[in-house]
Amino acid sequence: MSSRSPSVIDFDASPEEVAQHLIGVTLLVDGVGGRIVETEAYDRDDPASHSFSGPTSRNASMFGSPGRAYVYRSYGIHWCLNIVCREKGHGAAVLIRAIEPTIGLDRMRERRGLDEARLLCAGPGRVAQALGIDVGFNGKPVDQPPFLLIAPADGEPEVVIDVGPRIGISKANDVPWRFGEKGSRFLSKPFRRAP
């Protein structure tokens, strides 16, 4: 568990740093979204990362400039939103695993076909569906429309972050690069507690 004070995000940093700094940041796409409450980090030397085997047509955005979206389809079904970090050409990104929906709930409910606010964005595929993300967003800078990232306001309490192993992957699933806002009911899955 760690905590951090709100700050401006430097995407030219390690994925573990960026993943933690994104917790508590508001992410909007065309005015719809909410507070990021869960992320996962992926780096080039990480066997679970799409960039592990080098550049391909699918992962080309991961090797682009930091602060751009990397969007891919998971299991041929769900789009997933990542934000590229580290220097251009490195191949690192942060997966947005869950957000607390706060703005545009009616639009998210329509896109997801459900009313339960807690489940609207609890998982990377749900985040993309609720925000209307598809491959057309791949490579777009996240500091320009239709994206908007809003750091927590000065004076807001520190975000306390749970840290644990990544989930939903078969390789390097023991690496503690999953980060989430402690106590958030909007996480995709609870963090495992130490015995």
Protein backbone atom coordinates (compact mmCIF):
# COMPACT_ATOMS: atom_id res chain seq x y z
CA MET A 1 0.00 0.00 0.00
CA SER A 2 1.24 3.49 -0.79
CA SER A 3 -0.13 7.00 -0.91
CA ARG A 4 0.57 9.99 -3.08
CA SER A 5 -0.34 13.61 -3.30
CA PRO A 6 -2.08 14.89 -6.42
CA SER A 7 0.36 16.06 -9.08
CA VAL A 8 0.70 16.64 -12.79
CA ILE A 9 1.31 13.39 -14.68
CA ASP A 10 4.59 12.97 -16.53
CA PHE A 11 4.00 10.21 -19.09
CA ASP A 12 7.73 10.04 -19.82
CA ALA A 13 8.18 7.93 -16.68
CA SER A 14 8.09 4.25 -15.74
CA PRO A 15 4.75 2.49 -16.15
CA GLU A 16 4.65 1.73 -12.42
CA GLU A 17 4.95 5.45 -11.62
CA VAL A 18 2.39 6.50 -14.23
CA ALA A 19 -0.04 3.76 -13.13
CA GLN A 20 0.02 5.07 -9.56
CA HIS A 21 -0.18 8.74 -10.55
CA LEU A 22 -3.30 8.06 -12.65
CA ILE A 23 -5.25 6.83 -9.61
CA GLY A 24 -7.63 9.64 -8.62
CA VAL A 25 -7.30 11.48 -11.95
CA THR A 26 -10.56 12.13 -13.80
CA LEU A 27 -10.65 10.72 -17.33
CA LEU A 28 -13.26 12.03 -19.76
CA VAL A 29 -13.86 11.04 -23.37
CA ASP A 30 -16.20 13.45 -25.17
CA GLY A 31 -17.35 14.66 -21.75
CA VAL A 32 -18.16 11.19 -20.37
CA GLY A 33 -16.17 9.39 -17.66
CA GLY A 34 -14.99 9.60 -14.08
CA ARG A 35 -12.16 9.08 -11.59
CA ILE A 36 -9.59 6.41 -12.42
CA VAL A 37 -9.58 3.93 -9.52
CA GLU A 38 -7.59 0.98 -10.93
CA THR A 39 -4.65 0.57 -13.32
CA GLU A 40 -2.03 -1.98 -14.36
CA ALA A 41 1.53 -1.33 -15.59
CA TYR A 42 3.18 -3.11 -18.55
CA ASP A 43 6.79 -2.66 -19.71
CA ARG A 44 8.87 -3.89 -22.65
CA ASP A 45 10.87 -6.44 -20.64
CA ASP A 46 7.65 -7.84 -19.16
CA PRO A 47 6.52 -11.17 -20.70
CA ALA A 48 2.87 -10.19 -20.11
CA SER A 49 3.26 -7.00 -22.17
CA HIS A 50 2.16 -6.74 -25.80
CA SER A 51 5.50 -5.05 -26.50
CA PHE A 52 7.62 -7.94 -25.16
CA SER A 53 8.35 -9.40 -28.63
CA GLY A 54 8.92 -6.02 -30.27
CA PRO A 55 6.86 -3.77 -32.53
CA THR A 56 3.98 -5.16 -34.59
CA SER A 57 1.10 -3.56 -36.44
CA ARG A 58 -1.13 -4.28 -33.41
CA ASN A 59 1.14 -2.73 -30.75
CA ALA A 60 2.74 0.07 -32.80
CA SER A 61 1.16 2.75 -30.60
CA MET A 62 3.01 1.36 -27.56
CA PHE A 63 6.26 2.36 -29.28
CA GLY A 64 5.01 5.86 -30.08
CA SER A 65 5.16 9.04 -28.05
CA PRO A 66 4.22 8.94 -24.36
CA GLY A 67 0.78 10.27 -23.47
CA ARG A 68 -1.02 8.59 -26.37
CA ALA A 69 -3.75 5.97 -26.30
CA TYR A 70 -2.97 2.35 -27.08
CA VAL A 71 -6.28 0.58 -27.81
CA TYR A 72 -6.48 -3.12 -28.53
CA ARG A 73 -9.17 -5.78 -28.60
CA SER A 74 -9.02 -8.39 -25.84
CA TYR A 75 -10.06 -11.95 -26.69
CA GLY A 76 -11.59 -10.58 -29.90
CA ILE A 77 -14.46 -9.10 -27.86
CA HIS A 78 -13.61 -6.09 -25.68
CA TRP A 79 -11.66 -2.94 -26.49
CA CYS A 80 -9.14 -1.91 -23.83
CA LEU A 81 -7.66 1.54 -23.22
CA ASN A 82 -4.00 1.99 -22.27
CA ILE A 83 -1.88 5.12 -22.00
CA VAL A 84 1.64 4.93 -23.43
CA CYS A 85 4.49 5.96 -21.15
CA ARG A 86 8.30 6.12 -21.08
CA GLU A 87 10.27 7.62 -23.94
CA LYS A 88 9.22 7.19 -27.57
CA GLY A 89 10.15 3.76 -28.87
CA HIS A 90 10.32 2.05 -25.48
CA GLY A 91 7.07 0.07 -25.51
CA ALA A 92 5.40 0.63 -22.13
CA ALA A 93 1.81 1.43 -21.24
CA VAL A 94 -0.72 1.59 -18.42
CA LEU A 95 -4.02 -0.26 -18.72
CA ILE A 96 -7.04 1.60 -17.37
CA ARG A 97 -8.79 -1.20 -15.44
CA ALA A 98 -11.61 0.69 -13.70
CA ILE A 99 -13.08 4.14 -13.16
CA GLU A 100 -15.66 5.49 -10.77
CA PRO A 101 -18.30 6.87 -13.16
CA THR A 102 -19.19 10.46 -12.30
CA ILE A 103 -20.01 12.35 -15.51
CA GLY A 104 -22.37 11.25 -18.28
CA LEU A 105 -23.87 8.31 -16.41
CA ASP A 106 -26.95 8.18 -18.66
CA ARG A 107 -24.72 7.86 -21.74
CA MET A 108 -22.64 5.13 -20.05
CA ARG A 109 -25.77 3.25 -18.99
CA GLU A 110 -27.06 3.40 -22.56
CA ARG A 111 -23.77 2.10 -23.98
CA ARG A 112 -23.48 -0.66 -21.39
CA GLY A 113 -27.18 -1.59 -21.27
CA LEU A 114 -27.37 -1.60 -17.47
CA ASP A 115 -28.23 0.68 -14.58
CA GLU A 116 -25.87 -0.47 -11.80
CA ALA A 117 -23.33 2.38 -11.49
CA ARG A 118 -20.79 0.16 -9.73
CA LEU A 119 -20.58 -2.16 -12.73
CA LEU A 120 -20.51 0.46 -15.49
CA CYS A 121 -16.71 0.74 -15.57
CA ALA A 122 -15.46 -2.09 -13.32
CA GLY A 123 -13.03 -3.78 -15.72
CA PRO A 124 -11.05 -2.68 -18.78
CA GLY A 125 -13.60 -3.87 -21.36
CA ARG A 126 -16.40 -2.15 -19.46
CA VAL A 127 -14.38 1.09 -19.26
CA ALA A 128 -13.90 1.16 -23.03
CA GLN A 129 -17.54 0.32 -23.76
CA ALA A 130 -18.88 2.90 -21.30
CA LEU A 131 -16.59 5.62 -22.69
CA GLY A 132 -17.25 4.69 -26.33
CA ILE A 133 -13.61 3.69 -26.94
CA ASP A 134 -12.73 1.63 -30.00
CA VAL A 135 -9.73 1.23 -32.31
CA GLY A 136 -10.42 4.67 -33.79
CA PHE A 137 -8.92 6.17 -30.59
CA ASN A 138 -5.67 4.24 -30.97
CA GLY A 139 -2.66 6.59 -31.12
CA LYS A 140 -4.59 9.72 -30.14
CA PRO A 141 -2.97 12.02 -27.55
CA VAL A 142 -4.76 11.85 -24.20
CA ASP A 143 -4.06 15.53 -23.49
CA GLN A 144 -6.24 16.65 -26.42
CA PRO A 145 -9.93 16.25 -27.30
CA PRO A 146 -11.82 13.97 -27.27
CA PHE A 147 -9.78 13.04 -24.16
CA LEU A 148 -9.52 15.16 -21.04
CA LEU A 149 -7.49 14.29 -17.95
CA ILE A 150 -8.15 16.34 -14.82
CA ALA A 151 -5.79 16.05 -11.86
CA PRO A 152 -7.32 16.15 -8.39
CA ALA A 153 -7.68 19.69 -7.07
CA ASP A 154 -5.17 21.06 -4.60
CA GLY A 155 -6.30 20.40 -1.07
CA GLU A 156 -8.02 17.10 -1.85
CA PRO A 157 -6.99 14.26 0.48
CA GLU A 158 -4.10 12.03 -0.50
CA VAL A 159 -5.10 8.97 -2.50
CA VAL A 160 -4.21 5.76 -0.67
CA ILE A 161 -3.26 3.08 -3.17
CA ASP A 162 -3.46 -0.70 -2.82
CA VAL A 163 -0.75 -2.61 -4.70
CA GLY A 164 -0.99 -6.22 -5.83
CA PRO A 165 -0.38 -8.71 -8.63
CA ARG A 166 -1.99 -8.12 -12.00
CA ILE A 167 -5.08 -10.13 -12.86
CA GLY A 168 -6.53 -11.68 -16.01
CA ILE A 169 -3.14 -12.61 -17.48
CA SER A 170 -1.27 -15.92 -17.71
CA LYS A 171 2.33 -14.65 -17.73
CA ALA A 172 4.11 -12.69 -14.99
CA ASN A 173 0.87 -12.63 -13.00
CA ASP A 174 2.84 -12.42 -9.75
CA VAL A 175 4.30 -9.00 -10.59
CA PRO A 176 2.79 -6.39 -8.21
CA TRP A 177 1.91 -3.88 -10.91
CA ARG A 178 -1.81 -3.58 -10.25
CA PHE A 179 -2.79 -0.39 -8.45
CA GLY A 180 -6.14 0.66 -7.05
CA GLU A 181 -7.71 3.25 -4.82
CA LYS A 182 -7.99 1.69 -1.37
CA GLY A 183 -11.60 1.09 -0.38
CA SER A 184 -13.12 1.97 -3.77
CA ARG A 185 -16.26 -0.02 -4.52
CA PHE A 186 -15.68 0.57 -8.25
CA LEU A 187 -12.64 -1.72 -8.61
CA SER A 188 -12.88 -4.56 -11.12
CA LYS A 189 -12.00 -7.03 -8.32
CA PRO A 190 -10.94 -6.58 -4.70
CA PHE A 191 -7.26 -6.70 -3.84
CA ARG A 192 -6.10 -9.87 -2.11
CA ARG A 193 -5.29 -9.33 1.53
CA ALA A 194 -2.09 -10.65 3.06
CA PRO A 195 -2.71 -13.65 5.37
